[in-house]
Protein backbone atom coordinates (compact mmCIF):
# COMPACT_ATOMS: atom_id res chain seq x y z
CA MET A 1 6.86 -10.21 -30.85
CA LEU A 2 7.29 -6.50 -32.23
CA ALA A 3 6.00 -5.15 -28.48
CA PRO A 4 8.23 -7.05 -26.17
CA LEU A 5 11.58 -6.73 -28.98
CA LEU A 6 11.21 -2.91 -29.11
CA TYR A 7 10.77 -2.73 -25.20
CA ASN A 8 14.30 -4.97 -24.68
CA LEU A 9 15.87 -2.85 -27.35
CA LEU A 10 14.86 0.40 -25.58
CA LEU A 11 16.13 -0.93 -22.28
CA LEU A 12 19.58 -1.95 -23.72
CA ALA A 13 19.74 1.45 -25.77
CA ALA A 14 18.78 3.31 -22.08
CA SER A 15 21.07 0.86 -20.15
CA PRO A 16 24.13 3.52 -19.89
CA LEU A 17 21.73 6.25 -18.35
CA LEU A 18 20.08 3.81 -15.97
CA LEU A 19 23.64 2.10 -14.68
CA LEU A 20 24.48 6.15 -14.11
CA TYR A 21 21.14 6.71 -12.37
CA LEU A 22 21.79 3.28 -10.11
CA GLY A 23 24.92 4.69 -9.47
CA TYR A 24 23.89 7.97 -7.92
CA ARG A 25 21.13 6.63 -6.05
CA LEU A 26 23.51 4.11 -4.72
CA GLY A 27 26.38 6.91 -4.06
CA VAL A 28 24.51 9.95 -3.88
CA GLN A 29 21.03 9.12 -2.42
CA GLY A 30 22.22 5.98 -0.77
CA LYS A 31 18.98 4.45 -1.99
CA SER A 32 18.72 0.67 -3.74
CA ARG A 33 21.51 -0.55 -1.38
CA GLN A 34 19.54 -3.36 0.33
CA GLY A 35 19.48 -6.46 -1.45
CA LEU A 36 20.97 -5.41 -4.69
CA GLY A 37 22.63 -8.39 -5.61
CA GLU A 38 18.70 -10.07 -5.45
CA ARG A 39 17.56 -6.90 -7.62
CA TRP A 40 19.87 -8.30 -10.15
CA GLY A 41 18.60 -11.75 -9.97
CA GLY A 42 20.59 -13.44 -7.04
CA VAL A 43 17.28 -14.48 -4.98
CA PRO A 44 16.81 -17.14 -2.78
CA ARG A 45 17.18 -20.45 -4.96
CA LEU A 46 14.34 -22.81 -3.78
CA GLY A 47 13.93 -26.33 -4.39
CA PRO A 48 10.65 -27.85 -6.64
CA PRO A 49 7.31 -26.47 -6.24
CA PRO A 50 5.28 -28.82 -3.69
CA ALA A 51 2.10 -30.59 -5.36
CA ALA A 52 -0.17 -28.04 -4.36
CA GLY A 53 2.15 -25.19 -6.17
CA ARG A 54 4.10 -21.82 -5.56
CA ILE A 55 2.99 -18.61 -5.82
CA TRP A 56 5.48 -15.49 -6.54
CA VAL A 57 3.52 -12.53 -5.23
CA HIS A 58 4.78 -9.36 -5.95
CA ALA A 59 4.29 -6.35 -3.94
CA VAL A 60 5.92 -3.03 -4.07
CA SER A 61 5.87 -1.45 -0.80
CA ALA A 62 4.24 -1.51 2.42
CA GLY A 63 0.71 -0.30 1.05
CA GLU A 64 0.36 -3.11 -2.13
CA MET A 65 2.07 -5.66 0.99
CA VAL A 66 -1.13 -5.29 3.19
CA ALA A 67 -3.05 -6.10 0.25
CA ALA A 68 -0.95 -9.28 -0.31
CA ALA A 69 -0.86 -10.24 3.08
CA ALA A 70 -4.56 -10.16 3.13
CA VAL A 71 -4.63 -12.23 0.23
CA VAL A 72 -2.29 -14.74 1.20
CA ARG A 73 -4.03 -15.10 4.47
CA ARG A 74 -7.13 -16.35 2.74
CA LEU A 75 -4.97 -18.64 0.45
CA HIS A 76 -3.82 -20.56 3.12
CA GLU A 77 -7.01 -20.68 4.83
CA LEU A 78 -8.32 -22.66 1.38
CA ASP A 79 -4.77 -24.68 1.18
CA PRO A 80 -1.81 -24.35 3.55
CA LYS A 81 0.49 -26.88 1.66
CA ILE A 82 0.31 -23.86 -1.24
CA GLU A 83 4.12 -22.26 -0.62
CA VAL A 84 4.21 -17.94 -1.07
CA ALA A 85 7.56 -16.49 -2.29
CA VAL A 86 6.92 -12.41 -1.99
CA SER A 87 9.21 -9.72 -3.62
CA THR A 88 9.16 -5.86 -3.38
CA THR A 89 10.84 -2.90 -4.04
CA THR A 90 11.06 -0.77 -1.30
CA PRO A 91 12.85 -1.33 2.33
CA ALA A 92 9.28 -0.48 3.67
CA GLY A 93 7.32 -2.93 2.11
CA ARG A 94 10.76 -5.58 2.90
CA GLN A 95 10.06 -5.08 6.23
CA GLN A 96 5.90 -5.29 6.18
CA ALA A 97 6.92 -8.83 4.20
CA GLU A 98 9.00 -9.90 7.20
CA ARG A 99 6.10 -8.50 9.54
CA LEU A 100 2.67 -9.73 7.58
CA LEU A 101 4.42 -12.69 5.92
CA PRO A 102 6.61 -15.03 8.07
CA ALA A 103 5.32 -18.18 6.47
CA ALA A 104 6.56 -16.96 3.30
CA VAL A 105 9.36 -19.89 2.32
CA ALA A 106 11.03 -16.50 0.54
CA ARG A 107 11.49 -12.90 1.11
CA PHE A 108 13.31 -11.14 -1.36
CA TYR A 109 13.53 -7.49 -3.68
CA PHE A 110 12.17 -7.57 -6.97
CA PRO A 111 14.84 -7.70 -9.80
CA PHE A 112 15.39 -5.42 -12.48
CA ASP A 113 13.02 -6.20 -15.56
CA PHE A 114 16.26 -6.89 -17.50
CA LEU A 115 15.67 -10.37 -19.87
CA PRO A 116 18.79 -11.66 -17.64
CA CYS A 117 18.05 -10.60 -14.30
CA THR A 118 14.39 -11.72 -14.39
CA LEU A 119 15.08 -15.10 -15.58
CA ALA A 120 17.89 -15.66 -13.13
CA ALA A 121 14.84 -15.08 -10.22
CA LEU A 122 12.42 -17.13 -11.88
CA LEU A 123 15.03 -20.40 -12.39
CA ARG A 124 15.63 -19.55 -8.81
CA ILE A 125 12.26 -19.26 -7.66
CA ARG A 126 10.77 -21.97 -9.63
CA PRO A 127 7.31 -20.57 -9.18
CA THR A 128 4.03 -22.17 -10.45
CA VAL A 129 2.21 -18.76 -10.93
CA VAL A 130 3.25 -15.67 -10.72
CA CYS A 131 0.97 -12.78 -9.32
CA PRO A 132 1.70 -8.94 -9.45
CA ILE A 133 -0.57 -7.11 -6.60
CA GLU A 134 -1.93 -3.65 -8.00
CA THR A 135 -0.05 -1.99 -10.62
CA GLU A 136 3.28 -4.28 -11.14
CA ILE A 137 2.99 -4.96 -14.88
CA TRP A 138 6.64 -6.20 -15.64
CA PRO A 139 6.56 -7.01 -19.32
CA ASN A 140 9.44 -9.44 -19.29
CA TRP A 141 8.99 -10.67 -16.21
CA LEU A 142 5.29 -11.67 -17.29
CA TRP A 143 6.65 -12.85 -20.45
CA LEU A 144 9.44 -15.08 -19.41
CA ALA A 145 7.08 -16.40 -16.28
CA ARG A 146 5.04 -17.56 -19.27
CA VAL A 147 7.50 -18.93 -21.49
CA LEU A 148 8.40 -20.94 -18.80
CA GLY A 149 4.99 -22.52 -18.38
CA CYS A 150 3.75 -20.43 -15.35
CA ARG A 151 0.27 -18.94 -14.84
CA ALA A 152 0.01 -15.17 -13.84
CA ALA A 153 -2.72 -13.54 -12.52
CA LEU A 154 -3.09 -9.71 -11.44
CA VAL A 155 -4.62 -8.95 -7.79
CA ASN A 156 -6.06 -6.38 -6.49
CA GLY A 157 -5.64 -4.28 -10.03
CA GLN A 158 -6.22 -0.20 -10.05
CA PHE A 159 -4.93 2.18 -12.68
CA ALA A 160 -4.19 5.64 -10.83
CA ASP A 161 -4.57 8.72 -12.84
CA LYS A 162 -0.96 9.09 -13.33
CA GLY A 163 0.50 5.79 -13.91
CA PHE A 164 -2.58 5.59 -16.55
CA ARG A 165 -1.23 8.89 -18.03
CA ARG A 166 2.25 7.06 -18.66
CA ALA A 167 0.74 4.30 -19.58
CA ARG A 168 -1.63 5.44 -22.35
CA HIS A 169 1.77 6.54 -24.47
CA ALA A 170 2.59 2.71 -24.21
CA ARG A 171 -0.26 1.41 -25.24
CA PRO A 172 0.91 -1.73 -27.61
CA LEU A 173 3.46 -3.01 -24.83
CA TYR A 174 0.81 -2.70 -22.27
CA ARG A 175 -1.64 -4.83 -24.51
CA TRP A 176 0.98 -7.60 -25.08
CA ALA A 177 2.09 -7.57 -21.30
CA LEU A 178 -1.72 -7.96 -20.29
CA HIS A 179 -1.89 -10.85 -22.67
CA ARG A 180 0.36 -12.26 -20.28
CA LEU A 181 -1.87 -12.91 -17.44
CA ASN A 182 -4.74 -15.42 -17.17
CA ALA A 183 -6.88 -13.57 -15.35
CA LEU A 184 -7.54 -9.74 -13.97
CA HIS A 185 -8.84 -9.33 -11.01
CA VAL A 186 -9.02 -4.92 -10.66
CA GLN A 187 -10.72 -3.06 -7.47
CA THR A 188 -13.34 -0.66 -9.76
CA ALA A 189 -15.50 -0.54 -12.59
CA ARG A 190 -13.20 2.48 -13.49
CA ALA A 191 -9.84 0.39 -13.35
CA ALA A 192 -11.95 -2.27 -15.73
CA GLU A 193 -12.61 0.36 -18.35
CA ARG A 194 -8.83 1.59 -18.00
CA ALA A 195 -7.35 -1.62 -17.60
CA LEU A 196 -10.02 -2.48 -21.21
CA PHE A 197 -8.64 0.65 -22.81
CA LEU A 198 -4.78 -0.69 -22.70
CA GLY A 199 -5.76 -3.74 -23.68
CA ALA A 200 -6.81 -6.51 -21.54
CA PRO A 201 -8.74 -9.36 -22.70
CA PRO A 202 -12.49 -8.66 -21.51
CA GLU A 203 -12.56 -12.40 -21.07
CA ARG A 204 -10.15 -12.77 -18.18
CA LEU A 205 -10.98 -9.37 -16.55
CA ARG A 206 -13.16 -9.05 -13.17
CA VAL A 207 -14.29 -6.41 -11.04
CA ALA A 208 -13.67 -8.02 -7.45
CA GLY A 209 -13.30 -5.05 -5.43
CA ASN A 210 -10.54 -3.79 -2.88
CA VAL A 211 -8.37 -6.83 -0.71
CA LYS A 212 -7.60 -3.74 1.57
CA PHE A 213 -10.82 -4.29 3.32
CA GLU A 214 -9.95 -7.50 4.40
CA GLN A 215 -6.29 -6.95 5.91
CA THR A 216 -5.42 -7.67 8.99
CA ILE A 217 -4.04 -5.00 11.44
CA SER A 218 -1.68 -6.04 14.83
CA ALA A 219 -2.40 -4.45 17.89
CA LEU A 220 0.23 -2.25 19.33
CA PRO A 221 2.63 -4.12 21.83
CA ALA A 222 1.81 -3.50 25.33
CA GLU A 223 5.01 -1.59 26.34
CA THR A 224 4.70 0.71 22.93
CA GLU A 225 0.98 1.43 24.03
CA ALA A 226 1.49 2.06 27.49
CA LEU A 227 4.65 4.66 26.28
CA LEU A 228 2.04 6.42 24.04
CA ARG A 229 -0.14 6.96 26.25
CA ARG A 230 2.26 8.42 29.11
CA ARG A 231 3.84 10.75 26.35
CA LEU A 232 0.24 12.15 25.08
CA GLU A 233 -1.18 11.71 28.87
CA LEU A 234 -4.01 9.54 26.69
CA ASP A 235 -5.33 8.30 30.84
CA SER A 236 -6.17 11.52 31.58
CA GLY A 237 -9.18 11.72 28.86
CA ARG A 238 -6.97 13.66 26.33
CA PRO A 239 -8.38 14.07 22.13
CA VAL A 240 -5.62 12.92 20.66
CA TRP A 241 -4.94 13.83 16.90
CA VAL A 242 -3.23 11.39 14.67
CA ALA A 243 -2.05 12.69 10.91
CA GLY A 244 -0.41 10.25 8.91
CA SER A 245 1.46 9.65 5.85
CA THR A 246 1.95 13.69 5.48
CA HIS A 247 4.14 15.23 3.25
CA PRO A 248 6.46 18.52 3.17
CA GLY A 249 4.08 21.46 2.55
CA GLU A 250 1.50 19.45 4.77
CA GLU A 251 2.67 19.54 7.94
CA ASP A 252 2.62 23.30 8.23
CA GLN A 253 -1.37 22.98 7.36
CA VAL A 254 -1.82 20.44 9.88
CA LEU A 255 0.05 22.62 12.79
CA ASP A 256 -1.82 25.63 11.57
CA ALA A 257 -4.79 23.49 12.29
CA PHE A 258 -3.65 21.93 15.33
CA GLN A 259 -3.49 25.55 16.99
CA GLN A 260 -6.74 26.59 15.46
CA ALA A 261 -8.42 23.50 16.74
CA HIS A 262 -7.15 24.45 20.40
CA THR A 263 -9.87 27.09 20.81
CA CYS A 264 -12.43 24.15 20.71
CA ALA A 265 -10.33 21.31 22.00
CA PRO A 266 -7.81 22.92 24.73
CA GLU A 267 -6.84 19.37 25.58
CA LEU A 268 -5.80 18.08 22.03
CA VAL A 269 -2.61 16.37 21.82
CA LEU A 270 -1.00 15.62 18.25
CA LEU A 271 0.81 12.62 16.94
CA LEU A 272 2.14 13.15 13.55
CA ALA A 273 3.80 10.91 11.22
CA PRO A 274 5.07 11.90 8.22
CA ARG A 275 5.46 9.52 5.43
CA HIS A 276 9.16 9.46 5.05
CA ILE A 277 10.52 8.96 8.29
CA GLU A 278 14.14 10.58 7.28
CA ARG A 279 12.47 13.56 7.48
CA ALA A 280 11.56 13.14 11.08
CA PRO A 281 14.37 15.92 12.43
CA ASP A 282 12.96 18.44 10.40
CA VAL A 283 9.09 17.90 11.38
CA LEU A 284 10.40 18.06 14.47
CA ALA A 285 12.35 21.18 14.19
CA ALA A 286 9.41 22.70 12.37
CA VAL A 287 6.99 21.69 15.71
CA ARG A 288 9.47 23.00 18.07
CA ALA A 289 9.25 26.16 16.12
CA ARG A 290 6.02 27.12 16.99
CA GLY A 291 6.67 26.80 20.30
CA TRP A 292 4.55 23.29 21.21
CA SER A 293 6.48 20.77 23.75
CA ALA A 294 7.62 17.80 21.33
CA ASP A 295 9.42 14.90 20.85
CA ARG A 296 10.05 11.82 18.83
CA ARG A 297 8.83 8.90 19.23
CA SER A 298 12.23 6.91 19.46
CA SER A 299 13.30 9.29 21.79
CA THR A 300 14.35 7.65 25.55
CA GLU A 301 12.57 11.15 27.29
CA THR A 302 9.35 9.96 29.01
CA GLY A 303 7.69 12.91 30.24
CA PRO A 304 4.34 14.23 28.94
CA VAL A 305 4.45 16.21 25.22
CA GLU A 306 1.90 18.22 23.30
CA VAL A 307 3.32 16.79 19.82
CA LEU A 308 4.94 13.44 19.26
CA VAL A 309 6.50 12.72 15.73
CA LEU A 310 6.26 9.35 14.79
CA ASP A 311 9.61 8.45 13.60
CA THR A 312 9.43 4.64 13.62
CA MET A 313 8.36 2.02 10.72
CA GLY A 314 5.32 -0.14 10.69
CA GLU A 315 3.93 1.46 13.68
CA LEU A 316 1.10 3.89 12.59
CA ALA A 317 -1.55 1.11 11.15
CA ALA A 318 -1.55 -0.14 15.10
CA VAL A 319 -1.36 3.33 16.56
CA TYR A 320 -4.46 4.80 14.63
CA ALA A 321 -6.09 2.74 17.21
CA LEU A 322 -5.49 5.46 20.30
CA ALA A 323 -6.91 8.34 17.86
CA SER A 324 -10.24 10.03 18.94
CA VAL A 325 -9.69 11.48 15.06
CA VAL A 326 -7.55 10.65 11.86
CA PHE A 327 -6.53 12.92 8.98
CA VAL A 328 -4.59 11.03 6.23
CA GLY A 329 -1.88 12.68 4.28
CA GLY A 330 -0.94 13.41 0.86
CA SER A 331 -4.01 14.87 0.34
CA LEU A 332 -3.55 18.01 1.25
CA ALA A 333 -0.34 18.46 -0.83
CA PRO A 334 -0.95 17.22 -4.32
CA ILE A 335 0.71 13.57 -3.99
CA GLY A 336 -2.73 11.79 -4.42
CA GLY A 337 -3.71 10.34 -1.13
CA HIS A 338 -2.94 7.44 0.95
CA ASP A 339 -4.53 4.44 2.71
CA ILE A 340 -7.57 5.53 4.54
CA LEU A 341 -8.94 2.12 5.29
CA GLN A 342 -6.40 1.51 8.20
CA PRO A 343 -8.07 3.69 10.53
CA LEU A 344 -11.16 2.72 9.53
CA PHE A 345 -11.07 -0.48 10.58
CA HIS A 346 -9.99 0.86 14.09
CA GLY A 347 -13.40 2.99 14.05
CA ARG A 348 -12.03 6.02 13.91
CA PRO A 349 -13.41 9.26 11.95
CA VAL A 350 -11.31 10.02 9.04
CA LEU A 351 -10.48 13.29 7.13
CA PHE A 352 -8.42 13.82 3.93
CA GLY A 353 -7.93 16.71 1.53
CA PRO A 354 -8.77 17.34 -1.89
CA HIS A 355 -6.29 15.68 -3.60
CA MET A 356 -7.28 11.82 -3.39
CA HIS A 357 -6.45 11.25 -6.74
CA ASN A 358 -4.68 7.93 -6.35
CA GLN A 359 -7.31 7.02 -4.11
CA HIS A 360 -10.83 8.20 -5.74
CA ASP A 361 -12.81 5.02 -5.54
CA LEU A 362 -11.94 4.32 -2.12
CA ALA A 363 -12.63 8.20 -0.92
CA ARG A 364 -15.48 8.38 -3.13
CA LEU A 365 -17.25 5.25 -1.47
CA ALA A 366 -16.08 6.52 2.00
CA LEU A 367 -17.98 9.92 1.29
CA ASP A 368 -20.81 8.80 -0.06
CA SER A 369 -21.40 5.88 3.12
CA GLY A 370 -20.86 8.85 5.09
CA ALA A 371 -17.66 7.14 6.86
CA ALA A 372 -15.23 10.10 6.38
CA LEU A 373 -14.87 13.80 5.85
CA GLN A 374 -12.99 15.54 2.75
CA VAL A 375 -11.34 18.97 3.90
CA THR A 376 -9.76 21.54 1.61
CA ASP A 377 -7.19 23.54 3.96
CA ALA A 378 -6.27 24.22 7.02
CA ARG A 379 -9.30 26.27 8.33
CA GLU A 380 -11.71 23.47 7.40
CA LEU A 381 -9.22 20.68 8.91
CA ALA A 382 -9.32 22.40 12.33
CA ALA A 383 -13.29 22.72 12.19
CA ALA A 384 -13.57 18.96 11.34
CA VAL A 385 -11.06 17.68 14.41
CA GLY A 386 -12.92 20.45 16.47
CA ARG A 387 -16.01 18.84 15.74
CA VAL A 388 -14.88 15.32 15.75
CA CYS A 389 -13.82 16.13 18.96
CA THR A 390 -16.69 17.67 20.75
CA ASP A 391 -19.75 16.00 18.84
CA VAL A 392 -20.51 12.78 20.53
CA CYS A 393 -23.12 11.57 18.46
CA PHE A 394 -21.28 12.78 15.03
CA CYS A 395 -18.28 10.69 15.80
CA ASP A 396 -20.58 8.08 16.21
CA ASP A 397 -22.20 8.62 13.43
CA LEU A 398 -18.86 8.56 11.55
CA ALA A 399 -17.58 4.94 13.50
CA ALA A 400 -20.87 3.35 12.24
CA ALA A 401 -21.07 4.09 8.88
CA GLY A 402 -17.36 3.32 8.79
CA ARG A 403 -17.84 -0.25 10.04
CA LEU A 404 -20.93 -0.58 7.32
CA LEU A 405 -18.39 0.53 4.63
CA LEU A 406 -16.38 -2.25 5.38
CA ALA A 407 -18.81 -5.09 6.12
CA ASP A 408 -20.26 -4.23 2.87
CA ASN A 409 -17.05 -4.30 0.63
CA ALA A 410 -15.69 -7.74 1.91
CA GLY A 411 -14.93 -10.79 -0.38
CA ALA A 412 -12.65 -9.59 -2.51
CA ALA A 413 -9.64 -11.18 -0.66
CA ARG A 414 -11.37 -14.70 -0.65
CA ALA A 415 -11.94 -14.08 -4.33
CA ALA A 416 -8.35 -13.52 -5.38
CA ALA A 417 -6.97 -16.29 -2.98
CA GLU A 418 -9.62 -18.89 -4.79
CA LEU A 419 -8.39 -17.51 -8.39
CA LEU A 420 -4.53 -18.40 -7.02
CA ARG A 421 -5.79 -21.55 -5.87
CA SER A 422 -7.12 -22.88 -9.33
CA LEU A 423 -3.57 -21.86 -10.87
CA ALA A 424 -1.55 -22.85 -8.31
CA ARG A 425 -1.09 -26.80 -9.06
CA PRO A 426 1.63 -27.43 -11.54
CA GLY A 427 0.80 -28.86 -15.34
CA MET A 428 -2.51 -27.61 -15.08
CA SER A 429 -3.79 -25.20 -17.92
CA GLY A 430 -4.47 -22.31 -17.55
CA GLY A 431 -7.81 -21.31 -16.95
CA ARG A 432 -9.81 -17.93 -17.40
CA GLU A 433 -11.91 -15.80 -15.73
CA PRO A 434 -15.70 -14.57 -15.78
CA ALA A 435 -16.37 -11.64 -18.28
CA LEU A 436 -16.16 -8.49 -16.84
CA GLY A 437 -18.97 -7.88 -14.39
CA ALA A 438 -19.72 -6.79 -10.53
CA ARG A 439 -18.98 -9.22 -7.78
């Protein structure tokens, strides 16, 4: 009990600074305003859970919500009577929850991990299982859930480099928190090794794969697809390059590569999607400063352009279907990379940069299988884009390798759903997972 006591004493001691920081985010940055009451514990109040159980799934943002949705879809195939409540931390995650999990009995912002906030939320939601997705190890949430008789399971667990370096300095707290879990499903053997280092019980740990291999991607509405095709002149056969989830510093490299790629693919057009859509005006200004005809996706103009900046939420995954080639951002800048599976689901050739430390295992799988290409700078990016747009056989080989990669790695979402169903019924004793091993 020393670890949770110290954790809560530290939270109490730091609370003045945390409140100042919250005030800065609210008043200066304009962040965290949405769902502020829910963050303090005022989440929706639900009745008693059904006989099949109620699972509180927590996914921090949009990417993790995609993983959550894959598991929930499988869970409802196994038992549609199980209720699911879902929480998130960011507005992007909340929008994804609304879109991907419309049948959830509640969708809300995750409470601050202070004892009163967490306790209030648990008493209102009344789950029989709490399920953090990927890295959401919140000590008070897991502890109080177990005190109230809930089971707990980590699904699609991973410990990325940056987070793991921080976690190593708090091993006793992580060990205590991980022992509150009845089971841990992690994506890779490397994630399992890191979980064991942090103190996870080996008999509750399983390498189950990545549930995002079974995500569902909605098609673009016909009206939206028609607009994009018209603005990029896709029906005339022009190749389109989608650069998704880019960060500051990457757009300049993408635009340099776009200029160079025109030497071998002169009809190429670019759909540029900054990771944070509030940056769209700055990105658009940078594009126009280079002399390209450009506009924002949300613009009411209808004429064709050479570069279109995607400034709408929740469309990127579906937009990848229009691409001839995809570059996934956060990888030329030292961010750590973003999800490369969404373009692979559409059978599109995928490129990414050298900084993939947050997606290390997935990137290695894609490279080893021949489903993706890694580039180091704008020159290599331009060469790769040009080759994909002009070499049909090479493009087809990348797409075929991507389809095989997806097929070979299915099954994690169903395994997670079966685990959650086994834990969900009220009053049952928390079972334990098989010892560490491959799927």
